[in-house]
Amino acid sequence: MKRGLLFAMMVIISGALSAQETITGWNFPVNTGTDSLNANMGSTTNKSYDLRFQWVLTPTTDSTLNTITFVNGATTYAAATTGWAGGADVKFWSVKFKASNYTNFKVSSKQKSDATGPRDFKLQWRLSSGTYADVTGGTITLGSDWTTGVVADLPVPITGQGTGSIYIRWIMTSNNDITGGTVAPAGQSMIDDILVTAVSSTGQNEILFTNRLKVFPSPNNGTFNISSTEPLDFMSVTDIHGKAIVTMAAPSQNQAVSMPYAKPGLYLLKVKFSGSDREYSTCFVVE
């Protein structure tokens, strides 16, 4: 039995080494302040970059358009703006980030428009020194809800980025509004729950055989403690299918964790130590 559990644990750890990590993301938890349009997920560097509403000047240069405001989003708030009239192939939402030593990028987002806002978009990407390229499967048709214009873990073939910037944009592809008419100057479009993930080409750092962080007891019944020798910025627990069970920002270095409905099996604990953009992981058993 123990040998079987050990083998299963090694399989889980191998999977963790190729797990998707959050590079950058926006779910707009606040609607005021200088950082309200900045990414609130991902690395420290990427959290300094904001969401923009732009238009095309040349294939490699863009100009920022209207001021972005906030409306009720899919969960908390969402970014919103007018000014889309006549914007086919020139007006777009844009985000910027950096992710050296990462591959297998995936993008998720949610969009919607009001009755006279734009209906048709597509997803594109470019490096700072290049031009935009279409993302296969990146055609997006918006409705008046948060469930129609959804992109979920869409692969984006980003390569050769080095230490330079990467840009993702959601560009209008027609002047049709969501009712089939023409986009009006006051037509409003919104975006929410933007997430970019990727896999580290150097692998996640394992903490299983170090003393930086301990999980005890293990096995446990879903209630356990973590003890870290360093301050933590983030902690999460996922099951073997990658479903998040617990997430916690800035946990204590001696933190009690409870998963009252956890089923018996193997679980993956991931943390970020303060001052590091890398995730570290270990496994534990619930009996």
C-alpha atoms as a PDB file:
ATOM      1  CA  MET A   1       0.000   0.000   0.000  1.00  0.00           C
ATOM      2  CA  LYS A   2       2.733   2.443   0.988  1.00  0.00           C
ATOM      3  CA  ARG A   3       4.715   1.557  -2.121  1.00  0.00           C
ATOM      4  CA  GLY A   4       1.648   2.260  -4.242  1.00  0.00           C
ATOM      5  CA  LEU A   5       1.118   5.625  -2.569  1.00  0.00           C
ATOM      6  CA  LEU A   6       4.769   6.543  -3.093  1.00  0.00           C
ATOM      7  CA  PHE A   7       4.540   5.687  -6.798  1.00  0.00           C
ATOM      8  CA  ALA A   8       1.341   7.703  -7.147  1.00  0.00           C
ATOM      9  CA  MET A   9       2.986  10.617  -5.385  1.00  0.00           C
ATOM     10  CA  MET A  10       5.893  10.560  -7.841  1.00  0.00           C
ATOM     11  CA  VAL A  11       3.412  10.632 -10.717  1.00  0.00           C
ATOM     12  CA  ILE A  12       1.681  13.655  -9.202  1.00  0.00           C
ATOM     13  CA  ILE A  13       4.989  15.423  -8.670  1.00  0.00           C
ATOM     14  CA  SER A  14       5.948  14.762 -12.291  1.00  0.00           C
ATOM     15  CA  GLY A  15       2.681  16.359 -13.326  1.00  0.00           C
ATOM     16  CA  ALA A  16       3.375  19.335 -11.093  1.00  0.00           C
ATOM     17  CA  LEU A  17       6.628  19.949 -12.916  1.00  0.00           C
ATOM     18  CA  SER A  18       4.648  20.661 -16.107  1.00  0.00           C
ATOM     19  CA  ALA A  19       1.715  22.427 -14.465  1.00  0.00           C
ATOM     20  CA  GLN A  20       0.354  25.691 -15.821  1.00  0.00           C
ATOM     21  CA  GLU A  21       1.489  28.656 -13.733  1.00  0.00           C
ATOM     22  CA  THR A  22      -0.259  32.020 -13.624  1.00  0.00           C
ATOM     23  CA  ILE A  23       1.807  34.563 -15.589  1.00  0.00           C
ATOM     24  CA  THR A  24      -0.583  37.488 -15.392  1.00  0.00           C
ATOM     25  CA  GLY A  25      -4.279  38.099 -14.871  1.00  0.00           C
ATOM     26  CA  TRP A  26      -7.059  40.587 -14.254  1.00  0.00           C
ATOM     27  CA  ASN A  27     -10.311  39.959 -12.377  1.00  0.00           C
ATOM     28  CA  PHE A  28     -10.702  43.578 -11.234  1.00  0.00           C
ATOM     29  CA  PRO A  29     -11.370  43.175  -7.496  1.00  0.00           C
ATOM     30  CA  VAL A  30     -11.542  46.978  -7.041  1.00  0.00           C
ATOM     31  CA  ASN A  31     -12.949  49.778  -9.201  1.00  0.00           C
ATOM     32  CA  THR A  32     -10.939  52.736  -7.906  1.00  0.00           C
ATOM     33  CA  GLY A  33      -7.315  53.660  -7.373  1.00  0.00           C
ATOM     34  CA  THR A  34      -4.208  54.051  -9.495  1.00  0.00           C
ATOM     35  CA  ASP A  35      -3.661  50.288  -9.728  1.00  0.00           C
ATOM     36  CA  SER A  36      -7.276  49.310 -10.463  1.00  0.00           C
ATOM     37  CA  LEU A  37      -6.455  48.563 -14.123  1.00  0.00           C
ATOM     38  CA  ASN A  38      -3.192  46.784 -13.313  1.00  0.00           C
ATOM     39  CA  ALA A  39      -2.916  43.011 -13.300  1.00  0.00           C
ATOM     40  CA  ASN A  40      -3.726  41.616  -9.856  1.00  0.00           C
ATOM     41  CA  MET A  41      -2.352  38.123 -10.518  1.00  0.00           C
ATOM     42  CA  GLY A  42       1.010  36.807 -11.649  1.00  0.00           C
ATOM     43  CA  SER A  43       4.555  37.979 -11.048  1.00  0.00           C
ATOM     44  CA  THR A  44       5.482  41.228  -9.326  1.00  0.00           C
ATOM     45  CA  THR A  45       6.771  42.659 -12.599  1.00  0.00           C
ATOM     46  CA  ASN A  46       3.610  41.800 -14.498  1.00  0.00           C
ATOM     47  CA  LYS A  47       1.384  43.319 -11.813  1.00  0.00           C
ATOM     48  CA  SER A  48       2.798  46.724 -12.845  1.00  0.00           C
ATOM     49  CA  TYR A  49       1.242  46.456 -16.347  1.00  0.00           C
ATOM     50  CA  ASP A  50      -2.280  47.698 -17.073  1.00  0.00           C
ATOM     51  CA  LEU A  51      -5.134  46.794 -19.407  1.00  0.00           C
ATOM     52  CA  ARG A  52      -5.584  49.259 -22.290  1.00  0.00           C
ATOM     53  CA  PHE A  53      -8.137  50.218 -24.948  1.00  0.00           C
ATOM     54  CA  GLN A  54      -6.133  51.025 -28.084  1.00  0.00           C
ATOM     55  CA  TRP A  55      -6.152  51.434 -31.823  1.00  0.00           C
ATOM     56  CA  VAL A  56      -3.689  50.573 -34.575  1.00  0.00           C
ATOM     57  CA  LEU A  57      -1.258  53.226 -35.830  1.00  0.00           C
ATOM     58  CA  THR A  58       1.188  50.881 -37.589  1.00  0.00           C
ATOM     59  CA  PRO A  59       1.669  47.103 -37.408  1.00  0.00           C
ATOM     60  CA  THR A  60       4.029  47.553 -34.434  1.00  0.00           C
ATOM     61  CA  THR A  61       2.753  50.744 -32.763  1.00  0.00           C
ATOM     62  CA  ASP A  62      -0.548  51.516 -31.026  1.00  0.00           C
ATOM     63  CA  SER A  63      -2.271  54.501 -29.454  1.00  0.00           C
ATOM     64  CA  THR A  64      -4.390  54.488 -26.297  1.00  0.00           C
ATOM     65  CA  LEU A  65      -8.024  55.543 -26.727  1.00  0.00           C
ATOM     66  CA  ASN A  66     -10.829  56.333 -24.251  1.00  0.00           C
ATOM     67  CA  THR A  67     -10.530  56.224 -20.497  1.00  0.00           C
ATOM     68  CA  ILE A  68     -11.576  52.820 -19.174  1.00  0.00           C
ATOM     69  CA  THR A  69     -14.300  52.715 -16.531  1.00  0.00           C
ATOM     70  CA  PHE A  70     -15.793  49.884 -14.467  1.00  0.00           C
ATOM     71  CA  VAL A  71     -19.108  48.033 -14.409  1.00  0.00           C
ATOM     72  CA  ASN A  72     -20.367  44.935 -12.620  1.00  0.00           C
ATOM     73  CA  GLY A  73     -18.402  41.969 -13.904  1.00  0.00           C
ATOM     74  CA  ALA A  74     -18.731  38.213 -14.028  1.00  0.00           C
ATOM     75  CA  THR A  75     -17.754  38.114 -10.336  1.00  0.00           C
ATOM     76  CA  THR A  76     -16.598  41.495  -9.001  1.00  0.00           C
ATOM     77  CA  TYR A  77     -15.987  44.329 -11.480  1.00  0.00           C
ATOM     78  CA  ALA A  78     -15.145  44.452 -15.194  1.00  0.00           C
ATOM     79  CA  ALA A  79     -13.362  46.968 -17.426  1.00  0.00           C
ATOM     80  CA  ALA A  80     -15.662  48.854 -19.808  1.00  0.00           C
ATOM     81  CA  THR A  81     -15.451  51.607 -22.405  1.00  0.00           C
ATOM     82  CA  THR A  82     -17.302  53.239 -25.286  1.00  0.00           C
ATOM     83  CA  GLY A  83     -15.725  54.564 -28.491  1.00  0.00           C
ATOM     84  CA  TRP A  84     -15.812  51.384 -30.583  1.00  0.00           C
ATOM     85  CA  ALA A  85     -17.671  52.879 -33.593  1.00  0.00           C
ATOM     86  CA  GLY A  86     -15.847  52.254 -36.879  1.00  0.00           C
ATOM     87  CA  GLY A  87     -13.287  50.135 -35.075  1.00  0.00           C
ATOM     88  CA  ALA A  88     -13.156  47.030 -37.286  1.00  0.00           C
ATOM     89  CA  ASP A  89      -9.540  45.812 -37.527  1.00  0.00           C
ATOM     90  CA  VAL A  90      -8.189  48.852 -35.658  1.00  0.00           C
ATOM     91  CA  LYS A  91      -9.654  49.040 -32.111  1.00  0.00           C
ATOM     92  CA  PHE A  92      -8.830  46.532 -29.402  1.00  0.00           C
ATOM     93  CA  TRP A  93      -8.260  45.597 -25.758  1.00  0.00           C
ATOM     94  CA  SER A  94      -4.573  44.990 -25.028  1.00  0.00           C
ATOM     95  CA  VAL A  95      -2.413  43.523 -22.246  1.00  0.00           C
ATOM     96  CA  LYS A  96       1.350  43.288 -21.862  1.00  0.00           C
ATOM     97  CA  PHE A  97       3.520  40.952 -19.808  1.00  0.00           C
ATOM     98  CA  LYS A  98       6.916  39.271 -19.594  1.00  0.00           C
ATOM     99  CA  ALA A  99       7.575  35.557 -19.228  1.00  0.00           C
ATOM    100  CA  SER A 100      11.094  34.412 -20.051  1.00  0.00           C
ATOM    101  CA  ASN A 101      11.773  30.668 -19.804  1.00  0.00           C
ATOM    102  CA  TYR A 102       8.091  29.780 -20.250  1.00  0.00           C
ATOM    103  CA  THR A 103       6.290  27.784 -22.923  1.00  0.00           C
ATOM    104  CA  ASN A 104       2.799  26.372 -23.588  1.00  0.00           C
ATOM    105  CA  PHE A 105       0.956  29.658 -23.069  1.00  0.00           C
ATOM    106  CA  LYS A 106      -2.826  29.649 -22.617  1.00  0.00           C
ATOM    107  CA  VAL A 107      -5.255  32.581 -22.458  1.00  0.00           C
ATOM    108  CA  SER A 108      -8.717  32.859 -20.901  1.00  0.00           C
ATOM    109  CA  SER A 109     -11.115  35.827 -20.910  1.00  0.00           C
ATOM    110  CA  LYS A 110     -14.751  36.882 -20.780  1.00  0.00           C
ATOM    111  CA  GLN A 111     -16.307  39.655 -22.886  1.00  0.00           C
ATOM    112  CA  LYS A 112     -19.734  41.148 -23.458  1.00  0.00           C
ATOM    113  CA  SER A 113     -21.288  44.275 -24.996  1.00  0.00           C
ATOM    114  CA  ASP A 114     -24.429  46.324 -24.603  1.00  0.00           C
ATOM    115  CA  ALA A 115     -27.020  46.446 -27.406  1.00  0.00           C
ATOM    116  CA  THR A 116     -24.990  48.843 -29.596  1.00  0.00           C
ATOM    117  CA  GLY A 117     -21.532  47.582 -28.631  1.00  0.00           C
ATOM    118  CA  PRO A 118     -19.242  45.447 -30.842  1.00  0.00           C
ATOM    119  CA  ARG A 119     -20.070  41.780 -31.433  1.00  0.00           C
ATOM    120  CA  ASP A 120     -17.042  40.314 -33.252  1.00  0.00           C
ATOM    121  CA  PHE A 121     -13.475  39.997 -31.975  1.00  0.00           C
ATOM    122  CA  LYS A 122     -10.430  37.794 -32.454  1.00  0.00           C
ATOM    123  CA  LEU A 123      -7.408  37.062 -30.290  1.00  0.00           C
ATOM    124  CA  GLN A 124      -3.895  37.923 -31.504  1.00  0.00           C
ATOM    125  CA  TRP A 125      -0.387  38.026 -30.048  1.00  0.00           C
ATOM    126  CA  ARG A 126       3.001  39.579 -30.804  1.00  0.00           C
ATOM    127  CA  LEU A 127       6.437  40.121 -29.337  1.00  0.00           C
ATOM    128  CA  SER A 128       7.726  43.654 -28.746  1.00  0.00           C
ATOM    129  CA  SER A 129       9.801  43.449 -31.915  1.00  0.00           C
ATOM    130  CA  GLY A 130       7.170  41.771 -34.102  1.00  0.00           C
ATOM    131  CA  THR A 131       3.729  42.122 -35.627  1.00  0.00           C
ATOM    132  CA  TYR A 132       0.449  40.616 -34.446  1.00  0.00           C
ATOM    133  CA  ALA A 133      -0.489  37.085 -35.462  1.00  0.00           C
ATOM    134  CA  ASP A 134      -3.899  35.426 -35.190  1.00  0.00           C
ATOM    135  CA  VAL A 135      -4.435  32.779 -32.519  1.00  0.00           C
ATOM    136  CA  THR A 136      -5.943  29.593 -33.940  1.00  0.00           C
ATOM    137  CA  GLY A 137      -9.459  29.212 -32.586  1.00  0.00           C
ATOM    138  CA  GLY A 138      -9.404  32.800 -31.333  1.00  0.00           C
ATOM    139  CA  THR A 139     -12.600  34.040 -33.022  1.00  0.00           C
ATOM    140  CA  ILE A 140     -14.937  35.477 -30.370  1.00  0.00           C
ATOM    141  CA  THR A 141     -18.617  36.354 -30.782  1.00  0.00           C
ATOM    142  CA  LEU A 142     -20.030  38.483 -27.967  1.00  0.00           C
ATOM    143  CA  GLY A 143     -23.497  38.595 -26.459  1.00  0.00           C
ATOM    144  CA  SER A 144     -25.073  40.666 -23.715  1.00  0.00           C
ATOM    145  CA  ASP A 145     -23.968  38.159 -21.030  1.00  0.00           C
ATOM    146  CA  TRP A 146     -20.755  36.824 -19.529  1.00  0.00           C
ATOM    147  CA  THR A 147     -21.198  33.296 -20.915  1.00  0.00           C
ATOM    148  CA  THR A 148     -21.241  33.873 -24.692  1.00  0.00           C
ATOM    149  CA  GLY A 149     -17.951  35.645 -25.447  1.00  0.00           C
ATOM    150  CA  VAL A 150     -15.725  33.332 -23.435  1.00  0.00           C
ATOM    151  CA  VAL A 151     -12.201  32.106 -24.198  1.00  0.00           C
ATOM    152  CA  ALA A 152     -11.093  29.199 -21.988  1.00  0.00           C
ATOM    153  CA  ASP A 153      -7.459  28.030 -21.845  1.00  0.00           C
ATOM    154  CA  LEU A 154      -6.864  28.783 -25.524  1.00  0.00           C
ATOM    155  CA  PRO A 155      -3.296  27.806 -26.563  1.00  0.00           C
ATOM    156  CA  VAL A 156      -1.223  30.742 -27.860  1.00  0.00           C
ATOM    157  CA  PRO A 157       1.955  29.777 -29.795  1.00  0.00           C
ATOM    158  CA  ILE A 158       4.320  32.261 -28.127  1.00  0.00           C
ATOM    159  CA  THR A 159       7.995  31.483 -28.741  1.00  0.00           C
ATOM    160  CA  GLY A 160      11.292  33.359 -28.811  1.00  0.00           C
ATOM    161  CA  GLN A 161      10.235  35.969 -26.261  1.00  0.00           C
ATOM    162  CA  GLY A 162      13.489  35.981 -24.289  1.00  0.00           C
ATOM    163  CA  THR A 163      13.326  38.763 -21.702  1.00  0.00           C
ATOM    164  CA  GLY A 164      11.234  41.030 -23.943  1.00  0.00           C
ATOM    165  CA  SER A 165       7.566  41.958 -23.679  1.00  0.00           C
ATOM    166  CA  ILE A 166       4.652  39.905 -24.972  1.00  0.00           C
ATOM    167  CA  TYR A 167       1.378  41.479 -26.108  1.00  0.00           C
ATOM    168  CA  ILE A 168      -2.076  39.908 -26.322  1.00  0.00           C
ATOM    169  CA  ARG A 169      -4.989  41.758 -27.896  1.00  0.00           C
ATOM    170  CA  TRP A 170      -8.717  41.280 -28.504  1.00  0.00           C
ATOM    171  CA  ILE A 171      -9.323  43.186 -31.762  1.00  0.00           C
ATOM    172  CA  MET A 172     -12.674  44.054 -33.386  1.00  0.00           C
ATOM    173  CA  THR A 173     -13.226  42.238 -36.678  1.00  0.00           C
ATOM    174  CA  SER A 174     -16.472  43.892 -37.838  1.00  0.00           C
ATOM    175  CA  ASN A 175     -18.580  46.976 -37.202  1.00  0.00           C
ATOM    176  CA  ASN A 176     -21.637  44.889 -36.285  1.00  0.00           C
ATOM    177  CA  ASP A 177     -23.205  45.300 -32.874  1.00  0.00           C
ATOM    178  CA  ILE A 178     -24.604  42.316 -30.967  1.00  0.00           C
ATOM    179  CA  THR A 179     -28.078  42.830 -32.472  1.00  0.00           C
ATOM    180  CA  GLY A 180     -26.799  42.832 -36.054  1.00  0.00           C
ATOM    181  CA  GLY A 181     -26.884  46.618 -36.466  1.00  0.00           C
ATOM    182  CA  THR A 182     -23.926  48.991 -36.588  1.00  0.00           C
ATOM    183  CA  VAL A 183     -21.772  49.760 -33.560  1.00  0.00           C
ATOM    184  CA  ALA A 184     -22.719  53.177 -32.159  1.00  0.00           C
ATOM    185  CA  PRO A 185     -20.330  55.797 -30.706  1.00  0.00           C
ATOM    186  CA  ALA A 186     -21.927  55.202 -27.293  1.00  0.00           C
ATOM    187  CA  GLY A 187     -21.852  51.417 -27.661  1.00  0.00           C
ATOM    188  CA  GLN A 188     -20.096  49.891 -24.690  1.00  0.00           C
ATOM    189  CA  SER A 189     -17.975  46.751 -24.523  1.00  0.00           C
ATOM    190  CA  MET A 190     -16.603  45.025 -21.425  1.00  0.00           C
ATOM    191  CA  ILE A 191     -13.888  42.509 -20.554  1.00  0.00           C
ATOM    192  CA  ASP A 192     -13.237  40.487 -17.389  1.00  0.00           C
ATOM    193  CA  ASP A 193     -11.422  37.473 -15.929  1.00  0.00           C
ATOM    194  CA  ILE A 194      -8.329  37.697 -18.136  1.00  0.00           C
ATOM    195  CA  LEU A 195      -5.812  34.975 -17.319  1.00  0.00           C
ATOM    196  CA  VAL A 196      -2.513  34.019 -18.969  1.00  0.00           C
ATOM    197  CA  THR A 197      -0.838  30.791 -17.882  1.00  0.00           C
ATOM    198  CA  ALA A 198       2.263  28.929 -19.071  1.00  0.00           C
ATOM    199  CA  VAL A 199       4.667  26.132 -18.172  1.00  0.00           C
ATOM    200  CA  SER A 200       8.143  26.872 -16.857  1.00  0.00           C
ATOM    201  CA  SER A 201      10.793  25.423 -19.144  1.00  0.00           C
ATOM    202  CA  THR A 202      13.039  24.970 -16.100  1.00  0.00           C
ATOM    203  CA  GLY A 203      10.335  23.175 -14.104  1.00  0.00           C
ATOM    204  CA  GLN A 204       8.738  24.015 -10.781  1.00  0.00           C
ATOM    205  CA  ASN A 205      11.039  23.897  -7.793  1.00  0.00           C
ATOM    206  CA  GLU A 206      10.199  21.050  -5.465  1.00  0.00           C
ATOM    207  CA  ILE A 207      10.087  21.498  -1.710  1.00  0.00           C
ATOM    208  CA  LEU A 208       9.298  17.865  -0.989  1.00  0.00           C
ATOM    209  CA  PHE A 209      12.790  16.999   0.263  1.00  0.00           C
ATOM    210  CA  THR A 210      13.762  20.322   1.863  1.00  0.00           C
ATOM    211  CA  ASN A 211      12.976  21.930   5.191  1.00  0.00           C
ATOM    212  CA  ARG A 212      11.790  25.302   3.824  1.00  0.00           C
ATOM    213  CA  LEU A 213       8.176  24.281   4.289  1.00  0.00           C
ATOM    214  CA  LYS A 214       6.608  21.348   6.127  1.00  0.00           C
ATOM    215  CA  VAL A 215       3.110  19.891   5.962  1.00  0.00           C
ATOM    216  CA  PHE A 216       2.026  17.980   9.046  1.00  0.00           C
ATOM    217  CA  PRO A 217       0.563  15.634   9.799  1.00  0.00           C
ATOM    218  CA  SER A 218       0.712  13.692   6.556  1.00  0.00           C
ATOM    219  CA  PRO A 219      -1.300  11.605   6.075  1.00  0.00           C
ATOM    220  CA  ASN A 220      -4.089  13.715   7.623  1.00  0.00           C
ATOM    221  CA  ASN A 221      -7.882  13.887   7.578  1.00  0.00           C
ATOM    222  CA  GLY A 222      -8.116  17.198   5.696  1.00  0.00           C
ATOM    223  CA  THR A 223      -7.010  19.345   8.620  1.00  0.00           C
ATOM    224  CA  PHE A 224      -3.287  20.078   8.752  1.00  0.00           C
ATOM    225  CA  ASN A 225      -0.637  22.730   9.363  1.00  0.00           C
ATOM    226  CA  ILE A 226       2.065  24.272   7.239  1.00  0.00           C
ATOM    227  CA  SER A 227       5.258  25.598   8.768  1.00  0.00           C
ATOM    228  CA  SER A 228       7.557  27.774   6.658  1.00  0.00           C
ATOM    229  CA  THR A 229      11.012  29.105   7.407  1.00  0.00           C
ATOM    230  CA  GLU A 230      10.252  32.127   5.175  1.00  0.00           C
ATOM    231  CA  PRO A 231       7.281  34.526   4.730  1.00  0.00           C
ATOM    232  CA  LEU A 232       4.736  33.413   2.128  1.00  0.00           C
ATOM    233  CA  ASP A 233       2.876  35.491  -0.450  1.00  0.00           C
ATOM    234  CA  PHE A 234       0.462  32.774  -1.586  1.00  0.00           C
ATOM    235  CA  MET A 235      -0.650  29.225  -0.914  1.00  0.00           C
ATOM    236  CA  SER A 236      -2.991  26.876  -2.752  1.00  0.00           C
ATOM    237  CA  VAL A 237      -4.082  23.249  -2.521  1.00  0.00           C
ATOM    238  CA  THR A 238      -5.341  21.361  -5.580  1.00  0.00           C
ATOM    239  CA  ASP A 239      -6.567  17.821  -6.075  1.00  0.00           C
ATOM    240  CA  ILE A 240      -4.990  15.398  -8.562  1.00  0.00           C
ATOM    241  CA  HIS A 241      -7.151  16.834 -11.353  1.00  0.00           C
ATOM    242  CA  GLY A 242      -5.886  20.371 -10.739  1.00  0.00           C
ATOM    243  CA  LYS A 243      -9.106  21.606  -9.102  1.00  0.00           C
ATOM    244  CA  ALA A 244      -8.404  24.298  -6.497  1.00  0.00           C
ATOM    245  CA  ILE A 245      -9.558  23.262  -3.014  1.00  0.00           C
ATOM    246  CA  VAL A 246      -8.016  26.064  -0.944  1.00  0.00           C
ATOM    247  CA  THR A 247      -6.364  29.356  -1.945  1.00  0.00           C
ATOM    248  CA  MET A 248      -4.913  31.815   0.513  1.00  0.00           C
ATOM    249  CA  ALA A 249      -3.095  35.133   0.040  1.00  0.00           C
ATOM    250  CA  ALA A 250      -0.289  35.960   2.493  1.00  0.00           C
ATOM    251  CA  PRO A 251      -0.733  32.956   4.787  1.00  0.00           C
ATOM    252  CA  SER A 252       1.055  32.834   8.108  1.00  0.00           C
ATOM    253  CA  GLN A 253       4.395  31.055   8.332  1.00  0.00           C
ATOM    254  CA  ASN A 254       2.593  28.736  10.764  1.00  0.00           C
ATOM    255  CA  GLN A 255      -0.780  28.329   9.126  1.00  0.00           C
ATOM    256  CA  ALA A 256      -3.633  25.970   9.972  1.00  0.00           C
ATOM    257  CA  VAL A 257      -5.553  24.703   6.926  1.00  0.00           C
ATOM    258  CA  SER A 258      -8.904  22.923   6.888  1.00  0.00           C
ATOM    259  CA  MET A 259     -10.515  21.025   4.014  1.00  0.00           C
ATOM    260  CA  PRO A 260     -13.625  19.596   5.713  1.00  0.00           C
ATOM    261  CA  TYR A 261     -15.015  17.918   2.586  1.00  0.00           C
ATOM    262  CA  ALA A 262     -11.757  16.587   1.182  1.00  0.00           C
ATOM    263  CA  LYS A 263     -11.947  13.057  -0.151  1.00  0.00           C
ATOM    264  CA  PRO A 264      -9.139  10.581   0.572  1.00  0.00           C
ATOM    265  CA  GLY A 265      -6.280  10.841  -1.888  1.00  0.00           C
ATOM    266  CA  LEU A 266      -3.217  12.817  -2.922  1.00  0.00           C
ATOM    267  CA  TYR A 267      -3.164  16.624  -2.938  1.00  0.00           C
ATOM    268  CA  LEU A 268      -0.678  19.175  -4.265  1.00  0.00           C
ATOM    269  CA  LEU A 269       0.330  22.136  -2.085  1.00  0.00           C
ATOM    270  CA  LYS A 270       1.840  25.110  -3.957  1.00  0.00           C
ATOM    271  CA  VAL A 271       3.350  28.236  -2.397  1.00  0.00           C
ATOM    272  CA  LYS A 272       5.183  31.390  -3.389  1.00  0.00           C
ATOM    273  CA  PHE A 273       7.805  32.603  -0.956  1.00  0.00           C
ATOM    274  CA  SER A 274       7.959  36.394  -0.470  1.00  0.00           C
ATOM    275  CA  GLY A 275      10.286  38.037  -2.961  1.00  0.00           C
ATOM    276  CA  SER A 276      10.079  35.143  -5.443  1.00  0.00           C
ATOM    277  CA  ASP A 277       7.969  34.868  -8.586  1.00  0.00           C
ATOM    278  CA  ARG A 278       8.392  31.079  -8.706  1.00  0.00           C
ATOM    279  CA  GLU A 279       5.965  28.489  -7.378  1.00  0.00           C
ATOM    280  CA  TYR A 280       7.161  25.691  -5.141  1.00  0.00           C
ATOM    281  CA  SER A 281       5.232  22.503  -4.596  1.00  0.00           C
ATOM    282  CA  THR A 282       4.906  19.388  -2.478  1.00  0.00           C
ATOM    283  CA  CYS A 283       2.371  16.610  -2.061  1.00  0.00           C
ATOM    284  CA  PHE A 284       0.508  15.229   0.930  1.00  0.00           C
ATOM    285  CA  VAL A 285      -2.063  12.519   1.604  1.00  0.00           C
ATOM    286  CA  VAL A 286      -5.595  12.735   2.992  1.00  0.00           C
ATOM    287  CA  GLU A 287      -6.872   9.466   4.436  1.00  0.00           C
END
